[in-house]
Amino acid sequence: MNTRNVIEIKDLTAKYDDRVILNKISLDIKKGEIFVILGSSGGGKTTLLKHIIGLLRPVSGEITVLGKDILKMELEEFEDVLKKIGVLFQGGALLNSMEVWENVAMPLEQHTKLPESTIRNIVKQKLSLVNLRHAYRLFPSELSGGMKKRVALARAIVMDPEILFFDEPSAGLDPITAAELDDLILDLQKKLGITLVVVTHELESIKRIADRILYLQKGQNIFCGTIEQAKALGNEEIDRFFGWKEKTKNI
């Protein structure tokens, strides 16, 4: 594995029953970059993400995460890899019966033997990073949509992961709140030096945060590179997705 790559995928094929969802996908994700997975609805974006984090197993192919072939691992070894990644799910997945600090503390309580005082201090630090120290004792029901996303983000980074995965982080947010979340993502990436893998269809978010993009069309990798390279490619599907084709017609 290239030491600059934290994720390498080779010839990944996935199916739901007899339907091919991902068709021989190959890519690499470099350490410290923000890598955005996009494409039309049903193109396989979230399915690819779920394969990378081990929620689904492919029909064939290879997936290497942090130098480890996760498809050949025993469960205990794979759990060690999972401790080095964080995931922010689309809905946030907060437990409404627990206070904010308890939600953020869950990974530490499940995977470490740290004393509660230490866990609470770590939680306060992570909440400060997402500008929510004041929400420590609140319940999720007392938070706005944007605040819930930030709490989920604090939980995703509480174990100091090397890779952070986002599934539609801006979903359900108004444009101003979505832009604030993007700024926070960029700030955290800069401060923590982690690699970010983001699944999204939000155009403005993609333009703000992406170092490179992967475009999936009907389960196939039709482009991987920078947005500038994508624009120069002249692919009809990608041009339509970004609105470049319409803009050209109106000139």
Protein backbone atom coordinates (compact mmCIF):
# COMPACT_ATOMS: atom_id res chain seq x y z
CA MET A 1 0.00 0.00 0.00
CA ASN A 2 1.20 3.50 -0.84
CA THR A 3 2.05 5.15 2.50
CA ARG A 4 0.30 8.34 1.34
CA ASN A 5 -2.96 6.44 0.90
CA VAL A 6 -5.20 5.67 3.86
CA ILE A 7 -7.78 3.82 1.74
CA GLU A 8 -7.25 1.72 -1.38
CA ILE A 9 -10.05 -0.05 -3.25
CA LYS A 10 -9.51 -2.42 -6.15
CA ASP A 11 -12.14 -3.93 -8.46
CA LEU A 12 -14.91 -3.66 -5.86
CA THR A 13 -18.16 -5.26 -7.04
CA ALA A 14 -21.33 -5.21 -4.95
CA LYS A 15 -24.81 -6.57 -5.56
CA TYR A 16 -28.25 -6.45 -3.96
CA ASP A 17 -29.72 -9.80 -4.95
CA ASP A 18 -28.95 -10.00 -8.69
CA ARG A 19 -28.68 -6.24 -9.23
CA VAL A 20 -25.15 -4.86 -9.58
CA ILE A 21 -24.79 -1.73 -7.40
CA LEU A 22 -21.02 -1.19 -7.71
CA ASN A 23 -19.17 -2.45 -10.76
CA LYS A 24 -15.40 -2.99 -10.35
CA ILE A 25 -14.73 0.27 -8.48
CA SER A 26 -11.04 1.14 -7.99
CA LEU A 27 -9.75 4.24 -6.19
CA ASP A 28 -7.37 5.54 -3.56
CA ILE A 29 -7.85 8.18 -0.88
CA LYS A 30 -4.83 10.12 0.31
CA LYS A 31 -3.91 10.98 3.86
CA GLY A 32 -5.24 14.36 4.94
CA GLU A 33 -7.49 15.05 1.95
CA ILE A 34 -11.22 15.74 1.76
CA PHE A 35 -12.56 13.15 -0.67
CA VAL A 36 -16.16 13.59 -1.81
CA ILE A 37 -18.25 10.77 -3.27
CA LEU A 38 -21.08 12.01 -5.48
CA GLY A 39 -23.31 11.06 -8.34
CA SER A 40 -26.93 10.69 -9.34
CA SER A 41 -29.52 9.17 -7.03
CA GLY A 42 -29.10 5.41 -6.80
CA GLY A 43 -25.56 5.58 -8.20
CA GLY A 44 -24.06 3.66 -5.29
CA LYS A 45 -22.62 6.46 -3.10
CA THR A 46 -23.85 5.30 0.30
CA THR A 47 -23.35 1.66 -0.68
CA LEU A 48 -19.67 2.37 -1.34
CA LEU A 49 -19.34 4.14 2.01
CA LYS A 50 -20.93 1.20 3.84
CA HIS A 51 -18.48 -1.20 2.21
CA ILE A 52 -15.47 0.89 3.22
CA ILE A 53 -16.53 0.92 6.88
CA GLY A 54 -17.43 -2.76 6.87
CA LEU A 55 -21.22 -2.56 7.16
CA LEU A 56 -21.54 -4.49 3.89
CA ARG A 57 -19.36 -7.12 2.23
CA PRO A 58 -18.74 -7.09 -1.53
CA VAL A 59 -19.15 -9.89 -4.03
CA SER A 60 -15.51 -9.42 -5.01
CA GLY A 61 -12.64 -6.96 -4.81
CA GLU A 62 -10.24 -5.59 -2.21
CA ILE A 63 -10.62 -2.88 0.44
CA THR A 64 -7.54 -1.69 2.32
CA VAL A 65 -8.02 0.75 5.20
CA LEU A 66 -4.98 2.14 7.05
CA GLY A 67 -2.83 -0.54 5.49
CA LYS A 68 -5.13 -3.41 6.50
CA ASP A 69 -7.13 -5.63 4.14
CA ILE A 70 -10.44 -5.45 6.00
CA LEU A 71 -12.03 -8.28 4.01
CA LYS A 72 -9.49 -10.79 5.33
CA MET A 73 -9.64 -9.77 8.99
CA GLU A 74 -11.00 -11.53 12.01
CA LEU A 75 -13.64 -9.52 13.90
CA GLU A 76 -11.30 -8.55 16.74
CA GLU A 77 -8.69 -7.17 14.33
CA PHE A 78 -11.35 -5.27 12.39
CA GLU A 79 -12.61 -3.68 15.62
CA ASP A 80 -9.12 -2.25 16.13
CA VAL A 81 -9.42 -0.57 12.72
CA LEU A 82 -12.88 0.75 13.58
CA LYS A 83 -11.41 2.54 16.60
CA LYS A 84 -9.33 4.62 14.20
CA ILE A 85 -12.28 5.83 12.13
CA GLY A 86 -15.27 8.03 12.94
CA VAL A 87 -18.65 8.08 11.23
CA LEU A 88 -21.25 10.85 11.08
CA PHE A 89 -24.49 9.27 9.89
CA GLN A 90 -27.08 11.24 7.93
CA GLY A 91 -29.58 11.65 10.77
CA GLY A 92 -26.95 12.13 13.47
CA ALA A 93 -28.19 9.01 15.32
CA LEU A 94 -28.30 10.72 18.72
CA LEU A 95 -30.13 9.04 21.59
CA ASN A 96 -32.87 11.39 22.79
CA SER A 97 -32.96 9.83 26.28
CA MET A 98 -29.34 10.80 26.95
CA GLU A 99 -27.76 14.21 27.54
CA VAL A 100 -25.39 15.63 24.94
CA TRP A 101 -22.27 14.72 26.91
CA GLU A 102 -23.49 11.12 27.32
CA ASN A 103 -24.07 10.81 23.55
CA VAL A 104 -20.56 12.08 22.81
CA ALA A 105 -19.01 9.87 25.48
CA MET A 106 -20.48 6.60 24.16
CA PRO A 107 -17.47 5.48 22.03
CA LEU A 108 -15.07 6.16 24.92
CA GLU A 109 -17.22 4.19 27.34
CA GLN A 110 -17.55 1.28 24.90
CA HIS A 111 -13.94 1.04 23.73
CA THR A 112 -11.76 2.35 26.56
CA LYS A 113 -11.31 1.87 30.30
CA LEU A 114 -10.75 5.55 31.03
CA PRO A 115 -12.13 6.90 34.31
CA GLU A 116 -15.32 8.95 34.03
CA SER A 117 -13.54 12.17 34.99
CA THR A 118 -11.16 11.76 32.05
CA ILE A 119 -14.01 10.89 29.68
CA ARG A 120 -15.91 14.00 30.74
CA ASN A 121 -12.84 16.19 30.13
CA ILE A 122 -12.35 14.70 26.65
CA VAL A 123 -16.03 15.25 25.86
CA LYS A 124 -15.77 18.91 26.91
CA GLN A 125 -12.73 19.33 24.65
CA LYS A 126 -14.52 17.84 21.64
CA LEU A 127 -17.66 19.89 22.25
CA SER A 128 -15.46 22.99 22.39
CA LEU A 129 -14.00 22.07 19.00
CA VAL A 130 -17.50 22.13 17.49
CA ASN A 131 -18.47 25.28 19.44
CA LEU A 132 -20.98 23.50 21.69
CA ARG A 133 -19.37 23.48 25.14
CA HIS A 134 -22.52 25.20 26.47
CA ALA A 135 -24.71 22.26 25.33
CA TYR A 136 -22.97 19.74 27.62
CA ARG A 137 -26.01 19.01 29.81
CA LEU A 138 -28.75 19.56 27.23
CA PHE A 139 -30.85 16.85 25.60
CA PRO A 140 -30.98 16.39 21.79
CA SER A 141 -34.62 17.56 21.80
CA GLU A 142 -33.40 20.97 23.00
CA LEU A 143 -31.06 21.41 20.02
CA SER A 144 -31.54 22.79 16.52
CA GLY A 145 -30.82 20.62 13.48
CA GLY A 146 -27.42 22.19 12.99
CA MET A 147 -26.49 21.72 16.65
CA LYS A 148 -27.47 18.04 16.48
CA LYS A 149 -25.12 17.60 13.51
CA ARG A 150 -22.30 19.21 15.50
CA VAL A 151 -22.94 16.96 18.51
CA ALA A 152 -22.78 13.94 16.19
CA LEU A 153 -19.55 15.35 14.79
CA ALA A 154 -18.11 15.70 18.30
CA ARG A 155 -18.97 12.06 18.95
CA ALA A 156 -17.38 11.02 15.65
CA ILE A 157 -14.06 12.65 16.63
CA VAL A 158 -14.07 11.75 20.32
CA MET A 159 -11.68 8.80 19.74
CA ASP A 160 -9.26 10.96 17.70
CA PRO A 161 -9.85 9.02 14.44
CA GLU A 162 -7.45 9.05 11.50
CA ILE A 163 -10.36 8.93 9.02
CA LEU A 164 -13.76 10.56 9.34
CA PHE A 165 -16.74 9.47 7.22
CA PHE A 166 -19.77 11.68 6.56
CA ASP A 167 -23.04 10.54 5.00
CA GLU A 168 -24.91 13.60 3.69
CA PRO A 169 -23.74 15.95 6.48
CA SER A 170 -25.76 18.92 5.17
CA ALA A 171 -29.03 17.02 4.65
CA GLY A 172 -31.99 18.87 6.12
CA LEU A 173 -30.05 22.05 6.91
CA ASP A 174 -30.78 25.52 5.57
CA PRO A 175 -28.07 27.04 3.32
CA ILE A 176 -26.57 29.24 6.06
CA THR A 177 -26.34 26.40 8.60
CA ALA A 178 -24.97 24.07 5.91
CA ALA A 179 -22.24 26.59 5.07
CA GLU A 180 -21.37 26.93 8.77
CA LEU A 181 -21.05 23.14 9.02
CA ASP A 182 -18.77 23.12 5.96
CA ASP A 183 -16.57 25.77 7.58
CA LEU A 184 -16.42 23.68 10.74
CA ILE A 185 -15.45 20.58 8.73
CA LEU A 186 -12.65 22.51 7.02
CA ASP A 187 -11.46 23.91 10.37
CA LEU A 188 -11.38 20.48 12.01
CA GLN A 189 -9.54 18.97 9.06
CA LYS A 190 -6.92 21.70 9.32
CA LYS A 191 -6.57 21.44 13.12
CA LEU A 192 -6.63 17.65 13.40
CA GLY A 193 -5.06 16.65 10.07
CA ILE A 194 -7.56 13.85 9.56
CA THR A 195 -8.76 12.40 6.26
CA LEU A 196 -12.40 13.10 5.42
CA VAL A 197 -14.60 10.96 3.17
CA VAL A 198 -17.91 12.67 2.42
CA VAL A 199 -21.00 11.39 0.60
CA THR A 200 -23.14 14.30 -0.55
CA HIS A 201 -25.16 15.75 -3.41
CA GLU A 202 -25.10 19.35 -2.12
CA LEU A 203 -23.38 21.37 -4.87
CA GLU A 204 -22.28 24.33 -2.77
CA SER A 205 -20.86 22.04 -0.11
CA ILE A 206 -18.92 20.05 -2.71
CA LYS A 207 -17.41 23.22 -4.14
CA ARG A 208 -16.44 24.51 -0.68
CA ILE A 209 -14.78 21.43 0.80
CA ALA A 210 -13.67 18.93 -1.86
CA ASP A 211 -10.01 18.28 -2.63
CA ARG A 212 -11.00 15.49 -5.02
CA ILE A 213 -14.30 13.99 -6.09
CA LEU A 214 -15.41 10.54 -7.19
CA TYR A 215 -18.40 10.54 -9.53
CA LEU A 216 -20.46 7.36 -9.64
CA GLN A 217 -22.92 6.71 -12.46
CA LYS A 218 -25.04 3.56 -12.19
CA GLY A 219 -22.41 1.93 -10.00
CA GLN A 220 -19.45 2.78 -12.22
CA ASN A 221 -16.54 5.12 -11.53
CA ILE A 222 -16.74 7.57 -14.43
CA PHE A 223 -14.44 10.19 -12.90
CA CYS A 224 -12.01 10.67 -10.02
CA GLY A 225 -10.04 13.91 -9.60
CA THR A 226 -10.40 17.60 -8.81
CA ILE A 227 -13.47 19.69 -9.66
CA GLU A 228 -11.35 21.64 -12.17
CA GLN A 229 -10.41 18.38 -13.90
CA ALA A 230 -14.05 17.29 -13.90
CA LYS A 231 -15.08 20.53 -15.59
CA ALA A 232 -12.38 20.14 -18.23
CA LEU A 233 -13.48 16.55 -18.93
CA GLY A 234 -16.67 17.62 -20.69
CA ASN A 235 -18.69 14.62 -19.51
CA GLU A 236 -22.40 15.23 -20.13
CA GLU A 237 -23.56 13.57 -16.91
CA ILE A 238 -21.10 15.48 -14.71
CA ASP A 239 -21.75 18.77 -16.54
CA ARG A 240 -25.47 18.36 -15.93
CA PHE A 241 -24.93 17.50 -12.25
CA PHE A 242 -22.93 20.67 -11.61
CA GLY A 243 -25.07 22.80 -13.90
CA TRP A 244 -22.18 23.61 -16.23
CA LYS A 245 -24.04 22.48 -19.35
CA GLU A 246 -27.00 24.79 -18.70
CA LYS A 247 -24.68 27.72 -17.99
CA THR A 248 -22.91 27.18 -21.29
CA LYS A 249 -26.21 27.24 -23.19
CA ASN A 250 -27.27 30.52 -21.65
CA ILE A 251 -24.11 32.44 -22.63
